[in-house]
């Protein structure tokens, strides 16, 4: 089962989403993490911080688990 990330905008960028999860201490660490390790978005490895995540997208981060993006009602 995926944990939920609720957004109230049309999309959230991968960098913003990883920062929102609060498992890295700074924006610089988020940038380096995404460039070096990346995350899996809808089954594909992604290294672009600006990658837009829309509702129903699935984000997987090796160290902490998987998440589904949902639109806040």
PDB file of N, CA and C in Angstrom:
ATOM      1  N   UNK A   1       0.847  -1.192   0.000  1.00  0.00           N
ATOM      2  CA  UNK A   1       0.000   0.000   0.000  1.00  0.00           C
ATOM      3  C   UNK A   1       0.884   1.244   0.000  1.00  0.00           C
ATOM      4  N   UNK A   2       0.427   2.262  -0.683  1.00  0.00           N
ATOM      5  CA  UNK A   2       1.178   3.510  -0.783  1.00  0.00           C
ATOM      6  C   UNK A   2       0.716   4.498   0.289  1.00  0.00           C
ATOM      7  N   UNK A   3       1.674   5.238   0.826  1.00  0.00           N
ATOM      8  CA  UNK A   3       1.306   6.369   1.669  1.00  0.00           C
ATOM      9  C   UNK A   3       0.793   7.470   0.751  1.00  0.00           C
ATOM     10  N   UNK A   4      -0.029   8.360   1.273  1.00  0.00           N
ATOM     11  CA  UNK A   4      -0.625   9.412   0.454  1.00  0.00           C
ATOM     12  C   UNK A   4       0.098  10.733   0.638  1.00  0.00           C
ATOM     13  N   UNK A   5       0.271  11.441  -0.484  1.00  0.00           N
ATOM     14  CA  UNK A   5       0.762  12.815  -0.465  1.00  0.00           C
ATOM     15  C   UNK A   5      -0.329  13.647  -1.110  1.00  0.00           C
ATOM     16  N   UNK A   6      -0.946  14.515  -0.335  1.00  0.00           N
ATOM     17  CA  UNK A   6      -2.052  15.318  -0.863  1.00  0.00           C
ATOM     18  C   UNK A   6      -1.540  16.689  -1.282  1.00  0.00           C
ATOM     19  N   UNK A   7      -1.938  17.105  -2.492  1.00  0.00           N
ATOM     20  CA  UNK A   7      -1.555  18.414  -3.004  1.00  0.00           C
ATOM     21  C   UNK A   7      -2.817  19.213  -3.309  1.00  0.00           C
ATOM     22  N   UNK A   8      -2.710  20.534  -3.212  1.00  0.00           N
ATOM     23  CA  UNK A   8      -3.862  21.380  -3.532  1.00  0.00           C
ATOM     24  C   UNK A   8      -3.613  22.196  -4.800  1.00  0.00           C
ATOM     25  N   UNK A   9      -2.595  21.806  -5.550  1.00  0.00           N
ATOM     26  CA  UNK A   9      -2.276  22.455  -6.825  1.00  0.00           C
ATOM     27  C   UNK A   9      -2.410  21.414  -7.931  1.00  0.00           C
ATOM     28  N   UNK A  10      -2.224  21.838  -9.173  1.00  0.00           N
ATOM     29  CA  UNK A  10      -2.351  20.926 -10.314  1.00  0.00           C
ATOM     30  C   UNK A  10      -1.275  19.840 -10.284  1.00  0.00           C
ATOM     31  N   UNK A  11      -0.065  20.216  -9.852  1.00  0.00           N
ATOM     32  CA  UNK A  11       1.051  19.273  -9.798  1.00  0.00           C
ATOM     33  C   UNK A  11       2.039  19.721  -8.731  1.00  0.00           C
ATOM     34  N   UNK A  12       3.003  18.849  -8.433  1.00  0.00           N
ATOM     35  CA  UNK A  12       4.117  19.181  -7.550  1.00  0.00           C
ATOM     36  C   UNK A  12       5.370  18.650  -8.230  1.00  0.00           C
ATOM     37  N   UNK A  13       6.475  19.387  -8.133  1.00  0.00           N
ATOM     38  CA  UNK A  13       7.698  18.888  -8.756  1.00  0.00           C
ATOM     39  C   UNK A  13       8.316  17.801  -7.876  1.00  0.00           C
ATOM     40  N   UNK A  14       9.119  16.967  -8.491  1.00  0.00           N
ATOM     41  CA  UNK A  14       9.785  15.898  -7.756  1.00  0.00           C
ATOM     42  C   UNK A  14      10.624  16.461  -6.612  1.00  0.00           C
ATOM     43  N   UNK A  15      11.373  17.535  -6.876  1.00  0.00           N
ATOM     44  CA  UNK A  15      12.195  18.147  -5.838  1.00  0.00           C
ATOM     45  C   UNK A  15      11.366  18.645  -4.665  1.00  0.00           C
ATOM     46  N   UNK A  16      10.249  19.307  -4.956  1.00  0.00           N
ATOM     47  CA  UNK A  16       9.373  19.808  -3.895  1.00  0.00           C
ATOM     48  C   UNK A  16       8.785  18.649  -3.091  1.00  0.00           C
ATOM     49  N   UNK A  17       8.422  17.594  -3.793  1.00  0.00           N
ATOM     50  CA  UNK A  17       7.803  16.444  -3.142  1.00  0.00           C
ATOM     51  C   UNK A  17       8.792  15.748  -2.212  1.00  0.00           C
ATOM     52  N   UNK A  18      10.018  15.537  -2.674  1.00  0.00           N
ATOM     53  CA  UNK A  18      11.030  14.893  -1.842  1.00  0.00           C
ATOM     54  C   UNK A  18      11.320  15.763  -0.620  1.00  0.00           C
ATOM     55  N   UNK A  19      11.392  17.072  -0.810  1.00  0.00           N
ATOM     56  CA  UNK A  19      11.629  17.981   0.317  1.00  0.00           C
ATOM     57  C   UNK A  19      10.457  17.916   1.308  1.00  0.00           C
ATOM     58  N   UNK A  20       9.245  17.833   0.783  1.00  0.00           N
ATOM     59  CA  UNK A  20       8.045  17.744   1.615  1.00  0.00           C
ATOM     60  C   UNK A  20       8.051  16.492   2.496  1.00  0.00           C
ATOM     61  N   UNK A  21       8.647  15.413   2.010  1.00  0.00           N
ATOM     62  CA  UNK A  21       8.707  14.164   2.774  1.00  0.00           C
ATOM     63  C   UNK A  21       9.628  14.267   3.979  1.00  0.00           C
ATOM     64  N   UNK A  22      10.500  15.268   3.960  1.00  0.00           N
ATOM     65  CA  UNK A  22      11.302  15.625   5.129  1.00  0.00           C
ATOM     66  C   UNK A  22      12.245  14.520   5.608  1.00  0.00           C
ATOM     67  N   UNK A  23      12.802  13.721   4.688  1.00  0.00           N
ATOM     68  CA  UNK A  23      13.789  12.734   5.115  1.00  0.00           C
ATOM     69  C   UNK A  23      15.210  13.190   4.817  1.00  0.00           C
ATOM     70  N   UNK A  24      15.355  14.304   4.118  1.00  0.00           N
ATOM     71  CA  UNK A  24      16.664  14.936   3.911  1.00  0.00           C
ATOM     72  C   UNK A  24      16.636  16.297   4.580  1.00  0.00           C
ATOM     73  N   UNK A  25      17.795  16.762   5.011  1.00  0.00           N
ATOM     74  CA  UNK A  25      17.836  17.958   5.855  1.00  0.00           C
ATOM     75  C   UNK A  25      17.733  19.286   5.110  1.00  0.00           C
ATOM     76  N   UNK A  26      18.138  19.325   3.834  1.00  0.00           N
ATOM     77  CA  UNK A  26      18.134  20.622   3.147  1.00  0.00           C
ATOM     78  C   UNK A  26      17.804  20.456   1.675  1.00  0.00           C
ATOM     79  N   UNK A  27      17.508  21.577   1.043  1.00  0.00           N
ATOM     80  CA  UNK A  27      17.244  21.582  -0.387  1.00  0.00           C
ATOM     81  C   UNK A  27      18.451  21.122  -1.193  1.00  0.00           C
ATOM     82  N   UNK A  28      19.648  21.446  -0.728  1.00  0.00           N
ATOM     83  CA  UNK A  28      20.866  21.016  -1.408  1.00  0.00           C
ATOM     84  C   UNK A  28      21.026  19.505  -1.369  1.00  0.00           C
ATOM     85  N   UNK A  29      20.646  18.919  -0.239  1.00  0.00           N
ATOM     86  CA  UNK A  29      20.713  17.464  -0.128  1.00  0.00           C
ATOM     87  C   UNK A  29      19.682  16.802  -1.034  1.00  0.00           C
ATOM     88  N   UNK A  30      18.512  17.424  -1.158  1.00  0.00           N
ATOM     89  CA  UNK A  30      17.474  16.913  -2.061  1.00  0.00           C
ATOM     90  C   UNK A  30      17.989  16.929  -3.492  1.00  0.00           C
ATOM     91  N   UNK A  31      18.594  18.044  -3.897  1.00  0.00           N
ATOM     92  CA  UNK A  31      19.139  18.179  -5.252  1.00  0.00           C
ATOM     93  C   UNK A  31      20.168  17.091  -5.534  1.00  0.00           C
ATOM     94  N   UNK A  32      21.113  16.906  -4.622  1.00  0.00           N
ATOM     95  CA  UNK A  32      22.162  15.900  -4.801  1.00  0.00           C
ATOM     96  C   UNK A  32      21.571  14.494  -4.817  1.00  0.00           C
ATOM     97  N   UNK A  33      20.621  14.224  -3.955  1.00  0.00           N
ATOM     98  CA  UNK A  33      20.002  12.904  -3.878  1.00  0.00           C
ATOM     99  C   UNK A  33      19.314  12.558  -5.204  1.00  0.00           C
ATOM    100  N   UNK A  34      18.538  13.501  -5.728  1.00  0.00           N
ATOM    101  CA  UNK A  34      17.814  13.239  -6.978  1.00  0.00           C
ATOM    102  C   UNK A  34      18.787  13.063  -8.136  1.00  0.00           C
ATOM    103  N   UNK A  35      19.843  13.865  -8.187  1.00  0.00           N
ATOM    104  CA  UNK A  35      20.828  13.736  -9.267  1.00  0.00           C
ATOM    105  C   UNK A  35      21.583  12.411  -9.176  1.00  0.00           C
ATOM    106  N   UNK A  36      21.986  12.015  -7.983  1.00  0.00           N
ATOM    107  CA  UNK A  36      22.822  10.829  -7.811  1.00  0.00           C
ATOM    108  C   UNK A  36      22.024   9.528  -7.779  1.00  0.00           C
ATOM    109  N   UNK A  37      20.983   9.480  -6.975  1.00  0.00           N
ATOM    110  CA  UNK A  37      20.232   8.249  -6.756  1.00  0.00           C
ATOM    111  C   UNK A  37      18.929   8.253  -7.539  1.00  0.00           C
ATOM    112  N   UNK A  38      18.234   9.368  -7.476  1.00  0.00           N
ATOM    113  CA  UNK A  38      16.956   9.485  -8.180  1.00  0.00           C
ATOM    114  C   UNK A  38      15.818   8.834  -7.411  1.00  0.00           C
ATOM    115  N   UNK A  39      14.664   8.846  -8.044  1.00  0.00           N
ATOM    116  CA  UNK A  39      13.458   8.235  -7.488  1.00  0.00           C
ATOM    117  C   UNK A  39      12.754   7.541  -8.644  1.00  0.00           C
ATOM    118  N   UNK A  40      11.853   6.655  -8.322  1.00  0.00           N
ATOM    119  CA  UNK A  40      11.091   5.956  -9.358  1.00  0.00           C
ATOM    120  C   UNK A  40       9.704   6.587  -9.424  1.00  0.00           C
ATOM    121  N   UNK A  41       9.360   7.098 -10.603  1.00  0.00           N
ATOM    122  CA  UNK A  41       8.051   7.710 -10.826  1.00  0.00           C
ATOM    123  C   UNK A  41       7.313   6.852 -11.845  1.00  0.00           C
ATOM    124  N   UNK A  42       6.191   6.295 -11.425  1.00  0.00           N
ATOM    125  CA  UNK A  42       5.384   5.433 -12.306  1.00  0.00           C
ATOM    126  C   UNK A  42       6.225   4.343 -12.963  1.00  0.00           C
ATOM    127  N   UNK A  43       7.137   3.752 -12.196  1.00  0.00           N
ATOM    128  CA  UNK A  43       7.919   2.631 -12.675  1.00  0.00           C
ATOM    129  C   UNK A  43       9.198   2.974 -13.430  1.00  0.00           C
ATOM    130  N   UNK A  44       9.500   4.267 -13.604  1.00  0.00           N
ATOM    131  CA  UNK A  44      10.700   4.672 -14.333  1.00  0.00           C
ATOM    132  C   UNK A  44      11.606   5.522 -13.440  1.00  0.00           C
ATOM    133  N   UNK A  45      12.912   5.243 -13.463  1.00  0.00           N
ATOM    134  CA  UNK A  45      13.890   5.996 -12.669  1.00  0.00           C
ATOM    135  C   UNK A  45      13.940   7.423 -13.183  1.00  0.00           C
ATOM    136  N   UNK A  46      13.907   8.387 -12.288  1.00  0.00           N
ATOM    137  CA  UNK A  46      13.867   9.809 -12.645  1.00  0.00           C
ATOM    138  C   UNK A  46      14.944  10.562 -11.883  1.00  0.00           C
ATOM    139  N   UNK A  47      15.684  11.426 -12.595  1.00  0.00           N
ATOM    140  CA  UNK A  47      16.744  12.229 -11.983  1.00  0.00           C
ATOM    141  C   UNK A  47      16.526  13.732 -12.172  1.00  0.00           C
ATOM    142  N   UNK A  48      15.368  14.127 -12.680  1.00  0.00           N
ATOM    143  CA  UNK A  48      15.083  15.550 -12.889  1.00  0.00           C
ATOM    144  C   UNK A  48      14.255  16.096 -11.727  1.00  0.00           C
ATOM    145  N   UNK A  49      14.816  17.101 -11.032  1.00  0.00           N
ATOM    146  CA  UNK A  49      14.080  17.714  -9.906  1.00  0.00           C
ATOM    147  C   UNK A  49      12.784  18.351 -10.361  1.00  0.00           C
ATOM    148  N   UNK A  50      12.765  18.858 -11.575  1.00  0.00           N
ATOM    149  CA  UNK A  50      11.596  19.577 -12.077  1.00  0.00           C
ATOM    150  C   UNK A  50      10.508  18.686 -12.639  1.00  0.00           C
ATOM    151  N   UNK A  51      10.694  17.374 -12.586  1.00  0.00           N
ATOM    152  CA  UNK A  51       9.690  16.434 -13.104  1.00  0.00           C
ATOM    153  C   UNK A  51       8.375  16.682 -12.392  1.00  0.00           C
ATOM    154  N   UNK A  52       7.309  16.924 -13.145  1.00  0.00           N
ATOM    155  CA  UNK A  52       6.014  17.223 -12.550  1.00  0.00           C
ATOM    156  C   UNK A  52       5.305  15.935 -12.153  1.00  0.00           C
ATOM    157  N   UNK A  53       4.822  15.917 -10.931  1.00  0.00           N
ATOM    158  CA  UNK A  53       4.037  14.797 -10.427  1.00  0.00           C
ATOM    159  C   UNK A  53       2.591  15.245 -10.319  1.00  0.00           C
ATOM    160  N   UNK A  54       1.707  14.496 -10.948  1.00  0.00           N
ATOM    161  CA  UNK A  54       0.286  14.817 -10.972  1.00  0.00           C
ATOM    162  C   UNK A  54      -0.489  13.827 -10.103  1.00  0.00           C
ATOM    163  N   UNK A  55      -1.736  14.167  -9.752  1.00  0.00           N
ATOM    164  CA  UNK A  55      -2.545  13.214  -8.987  1.00  0.00           C
ATOM    165  C   UNK A  55      -2.576  11.846  -9.679  1.00  0.00           C
ATOM    166  N   UNK A  56      -2.513  10.806  -8.866  1.00  0.00           N
ATOM    167  CA  UNK A  56      -2.487   9.401  -9.275  1.00  0.00           C
ATOM    168  C   UNK A  56      -1.097   8.904  -9.676  1.00  0.00           C
ATOM    169  N   UNK A  57      -0.078   9.788  -9.730  1.00  0.00           N
ATOM    170  CA  UNK A  57       1.290   9.332  -9.973  1.00  0.00           C
ATOM    171  C   UNK A  57       1.791   8.602  -8.732  1.00  0.00           C
ATOM    172  N   UNK A  58       2.632   7.606  -8.953  1.00  0.00           N
ATOM    173  CA  UNK A  58       3.213   6.833  -7.854  1.00  0.00           C
ATOM    174  C   UNK A  58       4.703   7.154  -7.784  1.00  0.00           C
ATOM    175  N   UNK A  59       5.164   7.528  -6.613  1.00  0.00           N
ATOM    176  CA  UNK A  59       6.559   7.879  -6.356  1.00  0.00           C
ATOM    177  C   UNK A  59       7.157   6.838  -5.414  1.00  0.00           C
ATOM    178  N   UNK A  60       8.293   6.275  -5.811  1.00  0.00           N
ATOM    179  CA  UNK A  60       8.988   5.315  -4.950  1.00  0.00           C
ATOM    180  C   UNK A  60      10.380   5.848  -4.642  1.00  0.00           C
ATOM    181  N   UNK A  61      10.710   5.876  -3.354  1.00  0.00           N
ATOM    182  CA  UNK A  61      12.029   6.307  -2.907  1.00  0.00           C
ATOM    183  C   UNK A  61      12.625   5.146  -2.139  1.00  0.00           C
ATOM    184  N   UNK A  62      13.794   4.695  -2.591  1.00  0.00           N
ATOM    185  CA  UNK A  62      14.403   3.472  -2.068  1.00  0.00           C
ATOM    186  C   UNK A  62      14.447   3.429  -0.546  1.00  0.00           C
ATOM    187  N   UNK A  63      14.871   4.489   0.097  1.00  0.00           N
ATOM    188  CA  UNK A  63      15.090   4.475   1.543  1.00  0.00           C
ATOM    189  C   UNK A  63      13.813   4.524   2.380  1.00  0.00           C
ATOM    190  N   UNK A  64      12.729   5.059   1.825  1.00  0.00           N
ATOM    191  CA  UNK A  64      11.571   5.275   2.695  1.00  0.00           C
ATOM    192  C   UNK A  64      10.251   4.675   2.220  1.00  0.00           C
ATOM    193  N   UNK A  65      10.129   4.242   0.984  1.00  0.00           N
ATOM    194  CA  UNK A  65       8.896   3.586   0.561  1.00  0.00           C
ATOM    195  C   UNK A  65       8.242   4.204  -0.664  1.00  0.00           C
ATOM    196  N   UNK A  66       6.953   3.902  -0.809  1.00  0.00           N
ATOM    197  CA  UNK A  66       6.223   4.383  -1.985  1.00  0.00           C
ATOM    198  C   UNK A  66       5.047   5.265  -1.562  1.00  0.00           C
ATOM    199  N   UNK A  67       4.735   6.187  -2.461  1.00  0.00           N
ATOM    200  CA  UNK A  67       3.730   7.210  -2.172  1.00  0.00           C
ATOM    201  C   UNK A  67       2.865   7.406  -3.405  1.00  0.00           C
ATOM    202  N   UNK A  68       1.607   7.776  -3.201  1.00  0.00           N
ATOM    203  CA  UNK A  68       0.732   8.132  -4.304  1.00  0.00           C
ATOM    204  C   UNK A  68       0.338   9.596  -4.122  1.00  0.00           C
ATOM    205  N   UNK A  69       0.372  10.336  -5.216  1.00  0.00           N
ATOM    206  CA  UNK A  69      -0.002  11.748  -5.195  1.00  0.00           C
ATOM    207  C   UNK A  69      -1.517  11.834  -5.367  1.00  0.00           C
ATOM    208  N   UNK A  70      -2.174  12.569  -4.488  1.00  0.00           N
ATOM    209  CA  UNK A  70      -3.629  12.743  -4.561  1.00  0.00           C
ATOM    210  C   UNK A  70      -3.978  14.219  -4.511  1.00  0.00           C
ATOM    211  N   UNK A  71      -5.059  14.576  -5.170  1.00  0.00           N
ATOM    212  CA  UNK A  71      -5.552  15.952  -5.159  1.00  0.00           C
ATOM    213  C   UNK A  71      -6.373  16.139  -3.891  1.00  0.00           C
ATOM    214  N   UNK A  72      -6.043  17.177  -3.127  1.00  0.00           N
ATOM    215  CA  UNK A  72      -6.791  17.480  -1.899  1.00  0.00           C
ATOM    216  C   UNK A  72      -8.141  18.062  -2.284  1.00  0.00           C
ATOM    217  N   UNK A  73      -9.183  17.534  -1.702  1.00  0.00           N
ATOM    218  CA  UNK A  73     -10.553  17.969  -2.034  1.00  0.00           C
ATOM    219  C   UNK A  73     -10.886  19.298  -1.388  1.00  0.00           C
TER     220      UNK A  73
END
